Protein backbone atom coordinates (compact mmCIF):
# COMPACT_ATOMS: atom_id res chain seq x y z
CA MET A 1 5.89 -33.36 -10.24
CA GLU A 2 6.95 -29.72 -9.93
CA TRP A 3 4.31 -27.10 -10.40
CA GLU A 4 4.60 -23.59 -11.86
CA VAL A 5 1.81 -20.92 -10.72
CA VAL A 6 0.94 -18.57 -13.46
CA ILE A 7 -0.99 -15.42 -12.18
CA GLY A 8 -2.52 -12.27 -13.74
CA LEU A 9 -4.34 -9.43 -11.96
CA GLU A 10 -7.21 -7.31 -13.11
CA ILE A 11 -7.19 -4.32 -10.74
CA HIS A 12 -10.12 -1.96 -10.72
CA ALA A 13 -9.18 1.47 -9.32
CA GLN A 14 -12.23 3.73 -8.62
CA LEU A 15 -11.33 7.13 -10.23
CA ALA A 16 -11.55 10.23 -7.80
CA THR A 17 -13.87 12.18 -9.93
CA LYS A 18 -16.38 14.14 -8.17
CA SER A 19 -19.34 12.99 -10.50
CA LYS A 20 -19.75 9.68 -12.49
CA ILE A 21 -18.21 8.72 -15.73
CA PHE A 22 -21.41 9.20 -17.90
CA SER A 23 -23.82 11.30 -15.48
CA GLY A 24 -23.35 14.32 -13.10
CA ALA A 25 -24.53 12.08 -10.04
CA SER A 26 -22.07 12.28 -7.19
CA THR A 27 -19.70 9.48 -6.42
CA ALA A 28 -19.38 10.19 -2.86
CA TYR A 29 -19.25 7.51 -0.50
CA GLY A 30 -21.52 6.34 2.35
CA ALA A 31 -24.90 7.89 1.15
CA GLU A 32 -28.24 6.25 1.69
CA PRO A 33 -29.22 3.59 -1.04
CA ASN A 34 -30.15 4.51 -4.10
CA THR A 35 -30.01 8.48 -3.57
CA GLN A 36 -26.97 8.92 -5.72
CA ALA A 37 -28.28 7.20 -8.94
CA CYS A 38 -29.92 9.57 -11.87
CA THR A 39 -31.94 8.74 -14.68
CA VAL A 40 -28.63 7.97 -16.65
CA ASP A 41 -27.46 5.67 -13.94
CA LEU A 42 -30.58 3.95 -13.83
CA GLY A 43 -30.72 3.32 -17.77
CA LEU A 44 -34.26 5.05 -18.21
CA PRO A 45 -35.34 5.40 -21.91
CA GLY A 46 -34.20 8.38 -23.93
CA VAL A 47 -31.28 9.22 -21.64
CA LEU A 48 -27.70 9.72 -23.18
CA PRO A 49 -24.20 9.19 -21.58
CA VAL A 50 -21.97 12.15 -21.59
CA LEU A 51 -18.06 11.16 -21.07
CA ASN A 52 -16.44 12.82 -17.84
CA HIS A 53 -13.43 14.49 -19.05
CA GLU A 54 -11.68 14.34 -16.03
CA ALA A 55 -11.78 10.33 -16.06
CA VAL A 56 -9.99 10.60 -19.25
CA GLN A 57 -7.19 12.90 -17.89
CA MET A 58 -6.85 10.44 -14.95
CA ALA A 59 -6.48 7.72 -17.38
CA ILE A 60 -3.95 9.44 -19.57
CA LYS A 61 -2.09 10.20 -16.15
CA PHE A 62 -1.76 6.71 -15.16
CA GLY A 63 -0.56 5.75 -18.70
CA LEU A 64 2.29 8.24 -18.45
CA ALA A 65 3.14 7.29 -14.84
CA THR A 66 3.65 3.67 -15.94
CA ASN A 67 5.30 4.25 -19.13
CA SER A 68 2.33 2.57 -21.18
CA ALA A 69 1.35 3.59 -24.37
CA VAL A 70 -1.72 6.28 -24.38
CA ALA A 71 -3.99 5.43 -27.42
CA PRO A 72 -4.42 8.49 -29.83
CA ARG A 73 -7.87 6.70 -30.30
CA SER A 74 -10.07 4.74 -27.97
CA ILE A 75 -13.51 3.71 -28.32
CA PHE A 76 -16.26 2.53 -25.66
CA ALA A 77 -18.26 -0.64 -26.06
CA ARG A 78 -21.24 -2.39 -24.70
CA LYS A 79 -20.27 -5.27 -22.66
CA ASN A 80 -24.11 -6.91 -22.44
CA TYR A 81 -25.21 -9.24 -19.74
CA PHE A 82 -28.29 -9.43 -17.44
CA TYR A 83 -27.93 -8.92 -13.49
CA PRO A 84 -30.09 -7.09 -11.02
CA ASP A 85 -27.41 -4.58 -10.24
CA LEU A 86 -27.08 -3.59 -13.86
CA PRO A 87 -30.35 -1.72 -14.85
CA LYS A 88 -29.29 -1.12 -18.55
CA GLY A 89 -28.70 -4.75 -19.12
CA TYR A 90 -25.20 -3.80 -20.29
CA GLN A 91 -21.86 -2.06 -19.09
CA ILE A 92 -20.11 0.31 -20.99
CA SER A 93 -16.61 -0.36 -20.92
CA GLN A 94 -13.91 -0.59 -23.66
CA MET A 95 -12.78 -3.74 -25.42
CA ASP A 96 -10.79 -3.41 -28.82
CA LEU A 97 -9.48 -0.14 -28.42
CA PRO A 98 -8.61 0.65 -24.77
CA ILE A 99 -7.33 4.34 -23.73
CA VAL A 100 -4.16 2.77 -22.16
CA GLY A 101 -2.03 0.09 -24.19
CA GLU A 102 1.02 -1.78 -23.20
CA GLY A 103 3.52 -0.94 -20.40
CA LYS A 104 6.03 -2.42 -17.99
CA LEU A 105 6.30 -2.25 -14.18
CA ASP A 106 9.21 -3.11 -12.00
CA ILE A 107 8.55 -4.59 -8.72
CA ARG A 108 10.89 -5.73 -5.77
CA LEU A 109 10.64 -8.91 -4.28
CA GLU A 110 11.27 -10.33 -0.93
CA ASP A 111 14.82 -11.23 -1.75
CA GLY A 112 15.54 -7.81 -2.95
CA SER A 113 15.64 -8.87 -6.47
CA VAL A 114 13.70 -6.79 -9.15
CA LYS A 115 11.21 -8.11 -11.45
CA THR A 116 9.44 -6.76 -14.47
CA VAL A 117 5.61 -7.31 -14.76
CA GLY A 118 3.80 -6.54 -18.23
CA ILE A 119 0.92 -4.25 -18.18
CA THR A 120 -1.51 -5.44 -20.93
CA ARG A 121 -3.80 -2.50 -20.83
CA ALA A 122 -5.84 -0.21 -18.86
CA HIS A 123 -9.44 0.60 -19.90
CA LEU A 124 -12.28 2.91 -18.63
CA GLU A 125 -15.45 1.50 -17.58
CA GLU A 126 -18.55 2.25 -15.33
CA ASP A 127 -19.09 0.30 -12.14
CA ALA A 128 -22.33 -1.68 -11.58
CA GLY A 129 -24.49 -1.40 -8.78
CA LYS A 130 -24.27 -3.28 -5.56
CA SER A 131 -26.37 -6.27 -4.26
CA LEU A 132 -26.99 -6.43 -0.59
CA HIS A 133 -28.16 -9.59 1.13
CA GLU A 134 -27.54 -9.18 4.68
CA ASP A 135 -30.32 -6.96 5.55
CA PHE A 136 -33.11 -8.80 3.62
CA GLN A 137 -34.73 -11.95 5.05
CA GLY A 138 -34.84 -14.56 1.75
CA MET A 139 -34.50 -11.47 -0.30
CA THR A 140 -31.81 -9.36 -2.24
CA GLY A 141 -31.62 -5.60 -2.02
CA ILE A 142 -30.06 -3.31 -4.74
CA ASP A 143 -28.18 -0.13 -4.34
CA LEU A 144 -27.62 1.66 -7.42
CA ASN A 145 -25.42 4.47 -5.92
CA ARG A 146 -22.36 3.06 -7.28
CA ALA A 147 -23.74 2.46 -10.66
CA GLY A 148 -21.85 4.73 -13.13
CA THR A 149 -19.08 5.25 -10.70
CA PRO A 150 -15.68 5.78 -12.92
CA LEU A 151 -13.25 2.50 -13.07
CA LEU A 152 -9.81 2.04 -14.60
CA GLU A 153 -9.36 -1.42 -15.22
CA ILE A 154 -5.80 -2.46 -15.18
CA VAL A 155 -4.79 -5.69 -16.79
CA SER A 156 -1.47 -7.29 -16.19
CA GLU A 157 0.17 -10.07 -18.29
CA PRO A 158 0.20 -13.28 -16.50
CA ASP A 159 4.08 -12.66 -15.61
CA MET A 160 3.59 -13.35 -11.76
CA ARG A 161 4.84 -16.79 -10.31
CA SER A 162 3.59 -16.71 -6.85
CA ALA A 163 0.97 -15.11 -4.45
CA LYS A 164 3.85 -12.72 -2.86
CA GLU A 165 4.76 -11.55 -6.45
CA ALA A 166 1.03 -10.64 -7.08
CA VAL A 167 0.68 -8.55 -3.60
CA ALA A 168 4.12 -6.66 -4.61
CA TYR A 169 2.66 -5.96 -8.18
CA MET A 170 -0.78 -4.85 -6.50
CA LYS A 171 0.86 -2.66 -3.98
CA LYS A 172 2.98 -1.12 -6.39
CA ILE A 173 -0.15 -0.26 -8.66
CA HIS A 174 -1.89 0.89 -5.13
CA SER A 175 1.20 3.28 -4.82
CA ILE A 176 1.27 4.76 -8.26
CA VAL A 177 -2.50 5.60 -8.41
CA THR A 178 -2.45 7.15 -4.97
CA TYR A 179 0.91 9.34 -5.95
CA ILE A 180 -0.86 10.60 -8.84
CA ASP A 181 -4.09 11.27 -7.03
CA ILE A 182 -6.45 9.24 -9.22
CA CYS A 183 -7.87 7.19 -6.75
CA ASP A 184 -8.03 7.20 -2.97
CA GLY A 185 -6.80 3.56 -2.87
CA ASN A 186 -9.43 2.91 -0.08
CA MET A 187 -9.81 -0.83 -0.19
CA GLN A 188 -12.46 -1.00 2.65
CA GLU A 189 -14.62 1.35 0.55
CA GLY A 190 -14.13 -0.76 -2.62
CA SER A 191 -12.25 1.84 -4.27
CA PHE A 192 -9.21 -0.34 -4.98
CA ARG A 193 -9.96 -3.96 -5.52
CA CYS A 194 -8.80 -6.89 -7.94
CA ASP A 195 -9.43 -10.04 -9.75
CA ALA A 196 -6.87 -12.55 -9.98
CA ASN A 197 -6.44 -15.18 -12.58
CA VAL A 198 -4.83 -18.15 -11.28
CA SER A 199 -3.57 -21.42 -12.99
CA VAL A 200 -1.12 -23.90 -12.67
CA ARG A 201 1.23 -26.01 -15.12
CA PRO A 202 4.11 -28.84 -14.88
CA LYS A 203 7.39 -26.84 -14.44
CA GLY A 204 9.03 -26.12 -17.93
CA GLN A 205 5.70 -26.30 -20.01
CA GLU A 206 4.96 -23.54 -22.28
CA GLU A 207 1.41 -24.08 -22.60
CA LEU A 208 -0.73 -22.30 -20.00
CA GLY A 209 -3.03 -24.19 -17.57
CA THR A 210 -6.81 -23.75 -17.24
CA ARG A 211 -7.39 -20.53 -15.22
CA SER A 212 -9.70 -19.59 -12.44
CA GLU A 213 -10.68 -16.18 -11.76
CA LEU A 214 -10.95 -15.02 -8.16
CA LYS A 215 -13.30 -12.28 -7.91
CA ASN A 216 -13.39 -8.86 -5.62
CA LEU A 217 -10.30 -9.37 -3.55
CA ASN A 218 -10.02 -6.33 -1.55
CA SER A 219 -7.09 -6.37 0.98
CA PHE A 220 -3.54 -7.56 0.02
CA ARG A 221 -3.93 -10.29 2.67
CA PHE A 222 -6.79 -11.89 0.99
CA VAL A 223 -5.20 -11.71 -2.28
CA GLU A 224 -2.41 -13.71 -0.84
CA ARG A 225 -4.45 -16.07 0.80
CA ALA A 226 -6.99 -16.64 -1.85
CA ILE A 227 -4.26 -17.37 -4.50
CA ASN A 228 -2.40 -19.69 -2.05
CA LEU A 229 -5.89 -21.65 -1.74
CA GLU A 230 -6.73 -21.70 -5.32
CA VAL A 231 -3.10 -22.93 -6.17
CA GLN A 232 -3.55 -25.70 -3.51
CA ARG A 233 -6.94 -27.03 -4.83
CA GLN A 234 -5.87 -26.91 -8.61
CA ILE A 235 -2.82 -29.08 -7.88
CA GLU A 236 -4.52 -31.51 -5.60
CA ILE A 237 -7.57 -31.80 -8.43
CA ILE A 238 -4.75 -32.49 -11.21
CA GLU A 239 -2.88 -34.88 -9.12
CA ASP A 240 -5.98 -36.80 -8.01
CA GLY A 241 -6.59 -37.45 -11.79
CA GLY A 242 -9.27 -34.62 -12.20
CA LYS A 243 -9.42 -31.55 -14.69
CA VAL A 244 -9.41 -28.00 -13.64
CA VAL A 245 -12.75 -26.27 -14.99
CA GLN A 246 -12.58 -22.57 -16.20
CA GLU A 247 -14.46 -20.76 -13.75
CA THR A 248 -15.29 -17.53 -11.55
CA ARG A 249 -14.56 -18.28 -7.84
CA LEU A 250 -15.54 -16.28 -4.78
CA TYR A 251 -13.06 -16.03 -1.79
CA ASP A 252 -14.81 -16.29 1.54
CA ALA A 253 -12.42 -14.66 3.94
CA ASP A 254 -14.54 -15.78 7.17
CA LYS A 255 -14.36 -19.45 6.29
CA ASN A 256 -10.72 -19.02 4.28
CA GLU A 257 -12.18 -20.78 1.18
CA THR A 258 -12.83 -20.49 -2.38
CA ARG A 259 -15.88 -21.33 -3.55
CA SER A 260 -17.49 -21.71 -7.40
CA MET A 261 -19.72 -18.80 -8.55
CA ARG A 262 -20.20 -19.50 -12.02
CA SER A 263 -18.46 -21.02 -15.06
CA LYS A 264 -16.19 -18.38 -16.61
CA GLU A 265 -17.17 -16.55 -19.63
CA GLU A 266 -15.26 -15.79 -22.84
CA ALA A 267 -15.40 -12.17 -24.35
CA ASN A 268 -17.79 -13.54 -27.09
CA ASP A 269 -20.44 -14.35 -24.42
CA TYR A 270 -20.89 -10.56 -23.50
CA ARG A 271 -21.55 -9.67 -27.17
CA TYR A 272 -19.28 -6.61 -27.18
CA PHE A 273 -20.04 -4.06 -29.79
CA PRO A 274 -19.10 -0.11 -30.01
CA ASP A 275 -21.65 1.99 -28.10
CA PRO A 276 -23.53 3.95 -30.41
CA ASP A 277 -24.26 6.75 -27.96
CA LEU A 278 -20.52 7.51 -27.31
CA LEU A 279 -18.07 9.23 -30.00
CA PRO A 280 -14.63 7.89 -30.26
CA VAL A 281 -11.99 9.50 -27.62
CA GLU A 282 -9.38 11.28 -29.54
CA ILE A 283 -6.14 12.24 -27.69
CA ASP A 284 -3.60 14.84 -29.12
CA GLN A 285 -0.05 14.98 -28.16
CA GLU A 286 -0.59 18.42 -26.79
CA THR A 287 -3.08 17.10 -24.10
CA ILE A 288 -0.85 14.18 -23.31
CA GLU A 289 2.06 16.87 -22.92
CA ALA A 290 -0.34 19.01 -20.62
CA VAL A 291 -1.11 16.11 -18.32
CA ARG A 292 2.58 14.82 -18.31
CA ALA A 293 3.18 18.46 -16.78
CA THR A 294 1.05 17.63 -13.75
CA LEU A 295 2.81 14.33 -12.62
CA PRO A 296 4.41 14.41 -9.40
CA GLU A 297 7.68 12.63 -8.35
CA LEU A 298 6.85 9.30 -8.54
CA PRO A 299 7.85 6.36 -6.32
CA ASP A 300 10.81 5.03 -8.25
CA ALA A 301 12.10 8.39 -8.55
CA LYS A 302 11.45 9.40 -5.11
CA GLN A 303 13.16 6.15 -3.84
CA GLN A 304 16.19 6.86 -5.79
CA ARG A 305 16.26 10.25 -4.49
CA PHE A 306 16.15 9.20 -1.08
CA THR A 307 19.00 6.65 -1.34
CA SER A 308 21.13 9.34 -2.97
CA GLU A 309 20.28 12.53 -1.23
CA PHE A 310 19.91 10.93 2.39
CA GLY A 311 22.14 7.99 2.34
CA LEU A 312 19.35 5.46 2.66
CA SER A 313 19.42 1.95 1.91
CA ASP A 314 17.44 0.59 -0.80
CA TYR A 315 15.07 -1.33 1.51
CA ASP A 316 14.45 1.92 3.93
CA ALA A 317 13.94 3.90 0.76
CA GLU A 318 11.48 1.55 -0.55
CA VAL A 319 9.61 1.30 2.63
CA LEU A 320 9.72 5.34 3.16
CA THR A 321 8.00 5.79 -0.50
CA SER A 322 5.51 3.25 -0.20
CA SER A 323 2.91 5.84 -0.14
CA ARG A 324 3.04 9.72 -1.10
CA GLN A 325 1.75 10.48 2.65
CA MET A 326 4.73 8.30 4.38
CA ALA A 327 7.35 9.93 2.13
CA ASP A 328 5.95 13.65 2.66
CA TYR A 329 5.95 12.97 6.58
CA PHE A 330 9.53 11.54 6.47
CA GLU A 331 10.88 14.40 4.73
CA THR A 332 9.12 16.86 7.04
CA VAL A 333 10.76 15.06 10.01
CA VAL A 334 14.33 15.14 8.48
CA LYS A 335 13.68 18.94 8.09
CA ALA A 336 12.53 19.22 11.68
CA SER A 337 15.25 17.20 12.99
CA GLY A 338 18.17 19.17 11.35
CA GLY A 339 18.89 16.49 8.75
CA GLU A 340 18.96 13.41 10.75
CA ALA A 341 17.97 11.24 7.90
CA LYS A 342 19.11 8.07 9.10
CA LEU A 343 17.76 8.28 12.55
CA SER A 344 14.41 9.88 11.16
CA ALA A 345 14.20 6.65 8.93
CA ASN A 346 14.74 4.29 11.83
CA TRP A 347 11.96 6.18 13.88
CA VAL A 348 9.36 6.64 10.97
CA SER A 349 9.45 2.98 9.91
CA GLY A 350 10.24 1.58 13.37
CA ASP A 351 8.46 3.12 16.32
CA LEU A 352 5.92 5.18 14.31
CA THR A 353 4.79 2.66 11.95
CA GLY A 354 4.58 0.12 14.76
CA SER A 355 2.18 2.33 16.83
CA LEU A 356 0.14 3.22 13.61
CA ASN A 357 -0.39 -0.36 12.86
CA LYS A 358 -1.30 -1.17 16.52
CA ASP A 359 -4.02 1.69 16.88
CA SER A 360 -5.08 0.91 13.16
CA LYS A 361 -4.41 4.24 12.07
CA ASP A 362 -3.21 5.86 8.59
CA ILE A 363 -0.09 8.07 8.85
CA ASP A 364 -2.32 11.14 8.20
CA GLU A 365 -4.13 10.23 11.56
CA SER A 366 -0.92 10.21 13.58
CA PRO A 367 -1.13 11.94 16.88
CA VAL A 368 2.66 12.67 16.41
CA SER A 369 3.17 14.90 13.64
CA ALA A 370 6.09 15.07 11.69
CA ALA A 371 7.16 18.24 13.14
CA MET A 372 6.86 16.68 16.65
CA LEU A 373 8.87 13.64 15.60
CA GLY A 374 11.56 15.96 14.27
CA GLY A 375 11.96 17.87 17.13
CA MET A 376 12.27 14.72 19.23
CA ILE A 377 15.10 13.51 17.11
CA LYS A 378 16.67 16.93 17.43
CA ARG A 379 16.93 16.44 20.87
CA ILE A 380 18.39 12.93 20.47
CA ALA A 381 21.03 14.25 18.05
CA ASP A 382 22.19 16.99 20.53
CA ASN A 383 22.58 14.41 23.55
CA THR A 384 19.39 16.11 25.48
CA ILE A 385 18.00 12.62 25.47
CA SER A 386 19.35 9.17 24.90
CA GLY A 387 17.60 6.68 22.67
CA LYS A 388 15.92 4.91 25.42
CA ILE A 389 14.59 7.94 27.06
CA ALA A 390 13.17 8.82 23.57
CA LYS A 391 10.91 6.00 23.69
CA GLN A 392 9.32 7.34 26.72
CA VAL A 393 9.15 10.54 25.21
CA PHE A 394 7.50 9.29 22.06
CA GLU A 395 4.90 7.21 24.10
CA ALA A 396 3.94 10.58 26.07
CA MET A 397 3.58 12.37 22.77
CA TRP A 398 1.49 9.67 21.24
CA GLN A 399 -0.90 9.89 24.35
CA GLY A 400 -1.18 13.56 23.61
CA GLU A 401 1.17 15.21 26.44
CA GLY A 402 2.53 17.78 24.04
CA ASP A 403 5.68 17.86 22.06
CA ALA A 404 9.14 16.44 22.98
CA ASP A 405 10.38 19.76 24.80
CA ALA A 406 7.43 19.78 27.00
CA VAL A 407 7.36 16.14 27.95
CA ILE A 408 11.22 16.21 28.60
CA GLU A 409 10.56 19.24 30.95
CA SER A 410 7.61 18.11 32.55
CA LYS A 411 8.91 14.35 33.30
CA GLY A 412 12.39 15.58 34.09
CA LEU A 413 13.91 13.25 31.44
CA LYS A 414 16.81 15.35 30.26
CA GLN A 415 20.03 13.54 29.79
CA VAL A 416 22.66 14.02 32.31
CA THR A 417 25.96 14.84 30.49
CA ASP A 418 27.72 16.28 33.56
CA SER A 419 30.96 14.28 33.80
CA GLY A 420 31.39 15.04 37.23
CA ALA A 421 27.99 13.63 38.22
CA ILE A 422 28.51 10.68 36.03
CA GLU A 423 31.63 10.16 37.54
CA LYS A 424 30.22 9.94 41.09
CA ILE A 425 27.90 7.39 39.98
CA VAL A 426 30.61 4.95 38.15
CA ASP A 427 32.89 5.49 41.42
CA GLU A 428 29.99 4.25 43.57
CA ILE A 429 29.19 1.09 41.45
CA ILE A 430 32.99 0.18 41.21
CA ALA A 431 33.30 0.54 44.73
CA ASN A 432 30.14 -1.73 45.55
CA ASN A 433 31.08 -4.35 43.17
CA GLN A 434 34.62 -5.40 43.58
CA ALA A 435 34.03 -8.76 42.81
CA GLN A 436 32.99 -8.20 39.25
CA VAL A 437 35.79 -5.62 38.95
CA GLU A 438 38.29 -8.50 39.43
CA GLN A 439 36.40 -10.72 36.82
CA TYR A 440 36.81 -8.05 34.24
CA ARG A 441 40.23 -7.27 34.96
CA SER A 442 40.98 -10.94 34.85
CA GLY A 443 39.71 -10.95 31.12
CA LYS A 444 36.31 -11.57 31.61
CA ASP A 445 34.77 -8.78 29.45
CA LYS A 446 31.17 -9.76 29.05
CA VAL A 447 30.94 -8.33 32.62
CA PHE A 448 31.37 -4.92 31.19
CA GLY A 449 27.83 -5.08 30.36
CA PHE A 450 26.94 -5.57 34.00
CA PHE A 451 28.68 -2.21 35.05
CA VAL A 452 26.83 -0.14 32.16
CA GLY A 453 23.33 -1.52 33.45
CA GLN A 454 23.97 -0.50 37.17
CA VAL A 455 25.44 2.84 35.98
CA MET A 456 22.14 3.47 33.89
CA LYS A 457 19.99 2.19 36.57
CA ALA A 458 21.44 4.33 39.05
CA SER A 459 20.88 7.59 36.80
CA GLN A 460 17.21 6.44 36.18
CA GLY A 461 18.21 5.80 32.35
CA LYS A 462 19.44 9.48 32.07
CA ALA A 463 23.24 9.05 31.90
CA ASN A 464 24.85 9.94 28.70
CA PRO A 465 25.42 6.26 27.29
CA ALA A 466 28.49 7.14 25.39
CA GLN A 467 30.17 8.95 28.52
CA VAL A 468 29.29 5.94 30.75
CA ASN A 469 30.95 3.66 28.54
CA GLN A 470 34.31 5.49 27.92
CA MET A 471 34.39 6.47 32.03
CA LEU A 472 33.94 2.81 32.72
CA LYS A 473 36.63 1.60 30.50
CA GLU A 474 39.17 4.01 31.92
CA LYS A 475 38.14 3.21 35.38
CA LEU A 476 38.10 -0.37 35.01
CA LYS A 477 41.82 -0.67 33.57
CA GLY A 478 42.76 0.11 37.26
C-alpha cells in the first residue's frame, strides 16, 4: 500500500523582548538558576500580570510579514495543567481568539517548485520553567528563569507531505522572524523550536490518520530525522495489523529514536477559560499601520530584487537571502568589489560558507569581513590575481594575515600579465615537449590541457590563464 504523510508544525519563537510577557523580570539567557524569576513568574498569591506592550507589537509584526490576519480583539486564557516547572498551575496562553489569524506562506522545495503552506494562527503565551535532570542524582531540579518568557506559537495547517517540506517551512519561518527582529532564532538556546504533528494515511484517503506529536525539536536536522523515524514507526504498526495511538513522543537525538512521553491531550483536558486578570487586547488600524512602517525588506522581496538587480539565479538569490546577515554581507561584498555580483555570489555561497561551516561560525563571526572579501574579488576582476590564486589569498585572510592587497604583496602572488614573460615560458614548454606538440597537431585536442598545466606550473600559478590559453593556441598551430 502507498502511504501519504501528513505533517503540521507548531513553532515556538521566543520574542526578543528585554523583559517577560507579564512581568518586569529579565529574559537574558545564561543567568544562574532561579535568579530571574520574580513574584509574578513564581505565581505568588496577590500578584497580577501586566502585558508587555512590545510582545504585542512583535506579534503584529509577524502577522503583517506573513500576510496573516491581525485580530482587532484577542483574549488571553488560562491553560490549566500541573507540572513542577509551572508554579501557578496554569499557563497564560490564547485559545479561541488569538492575536494572529489565518495566513499563507510559500516555500521552495528541492526540485525548485513552490508550495503554499497555510498558517492556522499565531498566538502569544508565556513559557514554562525548565526541569533539570543531569546534575541531580535521583532528583530533578527546577529552574524558573524561563518561566514567563514571551513566546509566539505559530501553528501551521497540516499541509506538509514530507520531512523535507517541514524543514523548508520551518527554515522560512526562521528566516522571517529573524529578518523582522522579533526572535534571535538561536536554536541551541531554545529560542526557536517546534513540535511536529505527524500522521500517515493510505494515498487517496481524505480522512486524516491518528497523529503523534513530537515535542521540542530544536534543530532542522533533528526535525527531519524525528519525522522520518515517526513515519516509519506508524507505517510498520499499521502494516503489522496494529493501531497508532494518539500520544506525545520525545525524540532522543543520541539514540536517534522516538519514545512515548504521555497520551496526547485534547484542548478540553486543559479546561481553558479567559484569564480574569487580563483585559482583552484591542488593536486599531492606526497601530497596525505604525507597525507596518517598521517592517524591513522581507526575504521574498529581497530575493526578487537580487535576481532583477544583480542578475542572480533564483537558487543563488534564495541562498543569499536565507538570513538577513547573509544578505547584508553579500550586498557589502558586491559594493566593495565594484559591482561584481555573480563573482561575489559564488564566493559568498561557496568558499565563505564552506569555511564558516567547517569552523562552526556564524557569518557575523567571519574572520574575513565583507569589505575584505569584496577587495579580493576586485583583484580577481582587474586581473591582479587569478581565481586559483584567490583561494590562497582567501585562506591567508581567514588565518588573519591581513586584507587581500597585503596578502598579495607579502606572498608575491600578483598575476603575471606581461605577454613577453608568458611567451617565454610558453616557448620553453613547447620546445621541451615536441611529442605532445605532434599529438596535438594530429588532432588529439585533449593534450591541450597538458600544455596549460605545464605553463601554469612553470609560472607557479601566476600566469594569466586567458593569455596562456590564447598564446598556446596560436603557437601550437605551427
